[in-house]
């Protein structure tokens, strides 16, 4: 039943709205009470890579590539973690990290063909499809993840089976 985050790389404009929304969605609960965070320290589970430069017809061009965990069926990160800190929920199929077991060794990052695991405070973090936010009715009750809800270019899509 795992969902899948899909990106239209040709549509991404590199605005980083998805990164900001994800970071705010995952900031510590004690910081969520104020309307403006004291500091930008949420643990974003998505990043945007700059692709290029490429020269086409004498014009220098750059592209953007959003990257997040794809919750692979045969997840190399899951099998590679020496501490068994990554696990898959059998009901949803979503991969998660047990923070108390993660040592920050980055073996999962090396194993992932997409380089998707990110690290916050020396612990791996993976996209969780904003399940807590969706169940709380955030994002306007749209049923969309934070990154999908804010993308002005429509480059982020979450597909559920």
C-alpha atoms as a PDB file:
ATOM      1  CA  UNK A   1       0.000   0.000   0.000  1.00  0.00           C
ATOM      2  CA  UNK A   2       2.997   2.306  -0.112  1.00  0.00           C
ATOM      3  CA  UNK A   3       2.429   5.634  -1.750  1.00  0.00           C
ATOM      4  CA  UNK A   4       5.007   7.146  -4.040  1.00  0.00           C
ATOM      5  CA  UNK A   5       6.288  10.687  -4.315  1.00  0.00           C
ATOM      6  CA  UNK A   6       6.715  11.514  -7.989  1.00  0.00           C
ATOM      7  CA  UNK A   7       8.477  14.566  -9.333  1.00  0.00           C
ATOM      8  CA  UNK A   8       8.120  16.244 -12.699  1.00  0.00           C
ATOM      9  CA  UNK A   9      11.703  17.441 -13.008  1.00  0.00           C
ATOM     10  CA  UNK A  10      10.897  19.453 -16.110  1.00  0.00           C
ATOM     11  CA  UNK A  11       8.307  21.459 -14.143  1.00  0.00           C
ATOM     12  CA  UNK A  12      10.409  22.154 -11.019  1.00  0.00           C
ATOM     13  CA  UNK A  13      11.396  25.835 -10.887  1.00  0.00           C
ATOM     14  CA  UNK A  14      13.807  25.500  -7.964  1.00  0.00           C
ATOM     15  CA  UNK A  15      11.844  27.706  -5.569  1.00  0.00           C
ATOM     16  CA  UNK A  16      12.473  25.368  -2.602  1.00  0.00           C
ATOM     17  CA  UNK A  17       8.884  25.819  -1.354  1.00  0.00           C
ATOM     18  CA  UNK A  18       8.701  22.035  -0.906  1.00  0.00           C
ATOM     19  CA  UNK A  19      11.786  22.070   1.328  1.00  0.00           C
ATOM     20  CA  UNK A  20      10.436  24.917   3.466  1.00  0.00           C
ATOM     21  CA  UNK A  21       6.999  23.285   3.798  1.00  0.00           C
ATOM     22  CA  UNK A  22       8.537  19.935   4.735  1.00  0.00           C
ATOM     23  CA  UNK A  23      10.838  21.549   7.263  1.00  0.00           C
ATOM     24  CA  UNK A  24       7.938  23.392   8.890  1.00  0.00           C
ATOM     25  CA  UNK A  25       5.826  20.218   8.886  1.00  0.00           C
ATOM     26  CA  UNK A  26       8.558  18.342  10.735  1.00  0.00           C
ATOM     27  CA  UNK A  27       9.851  20.989  13.120  1.00  0.00           C
ATOM     28  CA  UNK A  28       9.879  20.001  16.766  1.00  0.00           C
ATOM     29  CA  UNK A  29       6.469  20.225  18.437  1.00  0.00           C
ATOM     30  CA  UNK A  30       7.641  22.794  20.983  1.00  0.00           C
ATOM     31  CA  UNK A  31       8.519  25.176  18.157  1.00  0.00           C
ATOM     32  CA  UNK A  32       5.214  24.682  16.365  1.00  0.00           C
ATOM     33  CA  UNK A  33       3.279  26.865  18.814  1.00  0.00           C
ATOM     34  CA  UNK A  34       4.491  30.214  17.443  1.00  0.00           C
ATOM     35  CA  UNK A  35       3.443  31.640  14.103  1.00  0.00           C
ATOM     36  CA  UNK A  36       7.046  32.335  13.086  1.00  0.00           C
ATOM     37  CA  UNK A  37       9.772  29.881  14.085  1.00  0.00           C
ATOM     38  CA  UNK A  38      12.725  31.281  16.030  1.00  0.00           C
ATOM     39  CA  UNK A  39      15.057  29.473  13.692  1.00  0.00           C
ATOM     40  CA  UNK A  40      14.715  27.364  10.577  1.00  0.00           C
ATOM     41  CA  UNK A  41      15.664  23.981  11.973  1.00  0.00           C
ATOM     42  CA  UNK A  42      12.924  21.592  10.914  1.00  0.00           C
ATOM     43  CA  UNK A  43      14.070  18.257   9.608  1.00  0.00           C
ATOM     44  CA  UNK A  44      13.136  18.470   5.929  1.00  0.00           C
ATOM     45  CA  UNK A  45      12.769  15.100   4.236  1.00  0.00           C
ATOM     46  CA  UNK A  46      13.151  16.506   0.734  1.00  0.00           C
ATOM     47  CA  UNK A  47      15.878  18.452  -0.994  1.00  0.00           C
ATOM     48  CA  UNK A  48      16.291  20.115  -4.368  1.00  0.00           C
ATOM     49  CA  UNK A  49      19.455  19.531  -6.371  1.00  0.00           C
ATOM     50  CA  UNK A  50      20.695  21.957  -8.992  1.00  0.00           C
ATOM     51  CA  UNK A  51      21.404  20.223 -12.292  1.00  0.00           C
ATOM     52  CA  UNK A  52      23.804  21.830 -14.702  1.00  0.00           C
ATOM     53  CA  UNK A  53      25.061  24.053 -16.019  1.00  0.00           C
ATOM     54  CA  UNK A  54      24.329  22.916 -19.547  1.00  0.00           C
ATOM     55  CA  UNK A  55      24.943  25.048 -22.590  1.00  0.00           C
ATOM     56  CA  UNK A  56      22.278  24.870 -25.293  1.00  0.00           C
ATOM     57  CA  UNK A  57      22.504  27.073 -28.347  1.00  0.00           C
ATOM     58  CA  UNK A  58      24.934  29.335 -26.513  1.00  0.00           C
ATOM     59  CA  UNK A  59      22.686  29.746 -23.466  1.00  0.00           C
ATOM     60  CA  UNK A  60      23.712  28.481 -20.035  1.00  0.00           C
ATOM     61  CA  UNK A  61      20.826  26.566 -18.463  1.00  0.00           C
ATOM     62  CA  UNK A  62      20.204  25.010 -15.073  1.00  0.00           C
ATOM     63  CA  UNK A  63      17.581  22.542 -13.997  1.00  0.00           C
ATOM     64  CA  UNK A  64      16.294  21.369 -10.662  1.00  0.00           C
ATOM     65  CA  UNK A  65      15.711  17.887  -9.304  1.00  0.00           C
ATOM     66  CA  UNK A  66      13.660  17.325  -6.133  1.00  0.00           C
ATOM     67  CA  UNK A  67      14.821  14.239  -4.192  1.00  0.00           C
ATOM     68  CA  UNK A  68      12.933  12.329  -1.482  1.00  0.00           C
ATOM     69  CA  UNK A  69      12.646   8.735  -0.300  1.00  0.00           C
ATOM     70  CA  UNK A  70      10.803   6.548  -2.798  1.00  0.00           C
ATOM     71  CA  UNK A  71      10.041   3.775  -0.290  1.00  0.00           C
ATOM     72  CA  UNK A  72      11.447   1.168  -2.667  1.00  0.00           C
ATOM     73  CA  UNK A  73       9.951  -2.313  -2.435  1.00  0.00           C
ATOM     74  CA  UNK A  74      13.462  -3.752  -2.345  1.00  0.00           C
ATOM     75  CA  UNK A  75      14.946  -0.915  -0.272  1.00  0.00           C
ATOM     76  CA  UNK A  76      18.764  -1.051  -0.181  1.00  0.00           C
ATOM     77  CA  UNK A  77      18.830   1.335   2.802  1.00  0.00           C
ATOM     78  CA  UNK A  78      16.734  -1.078   4.847  1.00  0.00           C
ATOM     79  CA  UNK A  79      19.050  -3.999   4.175  1.00  0.00           C
ATOM     80  CA  UNK A  80      22.257  -2.004   4.611  1.00  0.00           C
ATOM     81  CA  UNK A  81      21.656  -0.364   7.992  1.00  0.00           C
ATOM     82  CA  UNK A  82      24.091  -2.002  10.435  1.00  0.00           C
ATOM     83  CA  UNK A  83      21.949  -0.961  13.415  1.00  0.00           C
ATOM     84  CA  UNK A  84      18.575  -2.084  11.967  1.00  0.00           C
ATOM     85  CA  UNK A  85      17.395   1.482  12.515  1.00  0.00           C
ATOM     86  CA  UNK A  86      15.334   1.540   9.308  1.00  0.00           C
ATOM     87  CA  UNK A  87      12.107  -0.423   9.294  1.00  0.00           C
ATOM     88  CA  UNK A  88       9.051  -0.817   7.079  1.00  0.00           C
ATOM     89  CA  UNK A  89       5.541  -0.545   8.442  1.00  0.00           C
ATOM     90  CA  UNK A  90       3.830  -3.732   7.277  1.00  0.00           C
ATOM     91  CA  UNK A  91       0.438  -2.058   6.891  1.00  0.00           C
ATOM     92  CA  UNK A  92       1.409   1.106   4.997  1.00  0.00           C
ATOM     93  CA  UNK A  93       4.724  -0.021   3.505  1.00  0.00           C
ATOM     94  CA  UNK A  94       6.324   3.247   4.600  1.00  0.00           C
ATOM     95  CA  UNK A  95       9.971   3.201   5.615  1.00  0.00           C
ATOM     96  CA  UNK A  96      10.866   4.936   8.874  1.00  0.00           C
ATOM     97  CA  UNK A  97      13.956   5.497  10.996  1.00  0.00           C
ATOM     98  CA  UNK A  98      14.149   4.537  14.661  1.00  0.00           C
ATOM     99  CA  UNK A  99      15.908   7.639  15.965  1.00  0.00           C
ATOM    100  CA  UNK A 100      17.236   5.946  19.098  1.00  0.00           C
ATOM    101  CA  UNK A 101      18.945   3.241  17.002  1.00  0.00           C
ATOM    102  CA  UNK A 102      20.369   5.458  14.234  1.00  0.00           C
ATOM    103  CA  UNK A 103      24.059   6.246  14.746  1.00  0.00           C
ATOM    104  CA  UNK A 104      24.341   8.614  11.782  1.00  0.00           C
ATOM    105  CA  UNK A 105      26.854   6.355  10.004  1.00  0.00           C
ATOM    106  CA  UNK A 106      25.336   7.232   6.581  1.00  0.00           C
ATOM    107  CA  UNK A 107      25.526   3.651   5.270  1.00  0.00           C
ATOM    108  CA  UNK A 108      21.876   4.019   4.200  1.00  0.00           C
ATOM    109  CA  UNK A 109      22.786   7.107   2.182  1.00  0.00           C
ATOM    110  CA  UNK A 110      25.573   5.233   0.420  1.00  0.00           C
ATOM    111  CA  UNK A 111      23.230   2.306  -0.329  1.00  0.00           C
ATOM    112  CA  UNK A 112      20.353   4.403  -1.686  1.00  0.00           C
ATOM    113  CA  UNK A 113      20.503   4.739  -5.496  1.00  0.00           C
ATOM    114  CA  UNK A 114      18.742   8.112  -5.208  1.00  0.00           C
ATOM    115  CA  UNK A 115      20.764   9.503  -2.297  1.00  0.00           C
ATOM    116  CA  UNK A 116      17.454  10.178  -0.567  1.00  0.00           C
ATOM    117  CA  UNK A 117      18.179   9.785   3.163  1.00  0.00           C
ATOM    118  CA  UNK A 118      18.798  13.157   4.765  1.00  0.00           C
ATOM    119  CA  UNK A 119      20.368  13.778   8.147  1.00  0.00           C
ATOM    120  CA  UNK A 120      19.059  16.057  10.872  1.00  0.00           C
ATOM    121  CA  UNK A 121      20.962  16.338  14.134  1.00  0.00           C
ATOM    122  CA  UNK A 122      23.129  13.401  12.991  1.00  0.00           C
ATOM    123  CA  UNK A 123      20.143  11.075  12.511  1.00  0.00           C
ATOM    124  CA  UNK A 124      18.711   9.813   9.240  1.00  0.00           C
ATOM    125  CA  UNK A 125      15.275  11.102   8.236  1.00  0.00           C
ATOM    126  CA  UNK A 126      13.053   9.794   5.430  1.00  0.00           C
ATOM    127  CA  UNK A 127       9.905  11.112   3.790  1.00  0.00           C
ATOM    128  CA  UNK A 128       6.918   9.990   5.856  1.00  0.00           C
ATOM    129  CA  UNK A 129       4.216  11.256   3.462  1.00  0.00           C
ATOM    130  CA  UNK A 130       3.259  13.819   6.142  1.00  0.00           C
ATOM    131  CA  UNK A 131       1.044  11.152   7.699  1.00  0.00           C
ATOM    132  CA  UNK A 132       0.794  13.002  11.013  1.00  0.00           C
ATOM    133  CA  UNK A 133      -0.166  16.233   9.265  1.00  0.00           C
ATOM    134  CA  UNK A 134      -2.661  14.492   7.012  1.00  0.00           C
ATOM    135  CA  UNK A 135      -4.324  12.766   9.960  1.00  0.00           C
ATOM    136  CA  UNK A 136      -4.467  16.108  11.836  1.00  0.00           C
ATOM    137  CA  UNK A 137      -6.214  17.740   8.857  1.00  0.00           C
ATOM    138  CA  UNK A 138      -3.376  20.144   8.093  1.00  0.00           C
ATOM    139  CA  UNK A 139      -2.647  21.357   4.563  1.00  0.00           C
ATOM    140  CA  UNK A 140      -6.181  22.672   4.308  1.00  0.00           C
ATOM    141  CA  UNK A 141      -7.703  19.207   4.559  1.00  0.00           C
ATOM    142  CA  UNK A 142      -6.659  18.686   0.946  1.00  0.00           C
ATOM    143  CA  UNK A 143      -5.228  15.233   1.589  1.00  0.00           C
ATOM    144  CA  UNK A 144      -1.976  16.435   0.052  1.00  0.00           C
ATOM    145  CA  UNK A 145       1.467  16.261   1.582  1.00  0.00           C
ATOM    146  CA  UNK A 146       3.078  19.553   2.605  1.00  0.00           C
ATOM    147  CA  UNK A 147       5.401  19.554  -0.418  1.00  0.00           C
ATOM    148  CA  UNK A 148       2.611  18.776  -2.876  1.00  0.00           C
ATOM    149  CA  UNK A 149       0.279  21.381  -1.354  1.00  0.00           C
ATOM    150  CA  UNK A 150       2.734  24.272  -1.766  1.00  0.00           C
ATOM    151  CA  UNK A 151       4.425  23.515  -5.092  1.00  0.00           C
ATOM    152  CA  UNK A 152       3.504  26.444  -7.370  1.00  0.00           C
ATOM    153  CA  UNK A 153       4.648  24.581 -10.487  1.00  0.00           C
ATOM    154  CA  UNK A 154       2.746  21.359  -9.806  1.00  0.00           C
ATOM    155  CA  UNK A 155       6.012  19.412  -9.932  1.00  0.00           C
ATOM    156  CA  UNK A 156       5.273  17.251  -6.862  1.00  0.00           C
ATOM    157  CA  UNK A 157       2.673  14.480  -6.933  1.00  0.00           C
ATOM    158  CA  UNK A 158       1.956  11.843  -4.326  1.00  0.00           C
ATOM    159  CA  UNK A 159       0.389   8.732  -5.782  1.00  0.00           C
ATOM    160  CA  UNK A 160      -1.445   6.309  -3.521  1.00  0.00           C
ATOM    161  CA  UNK A 161      -2.145   2.754  -4.687  1.00  0.00           C
END
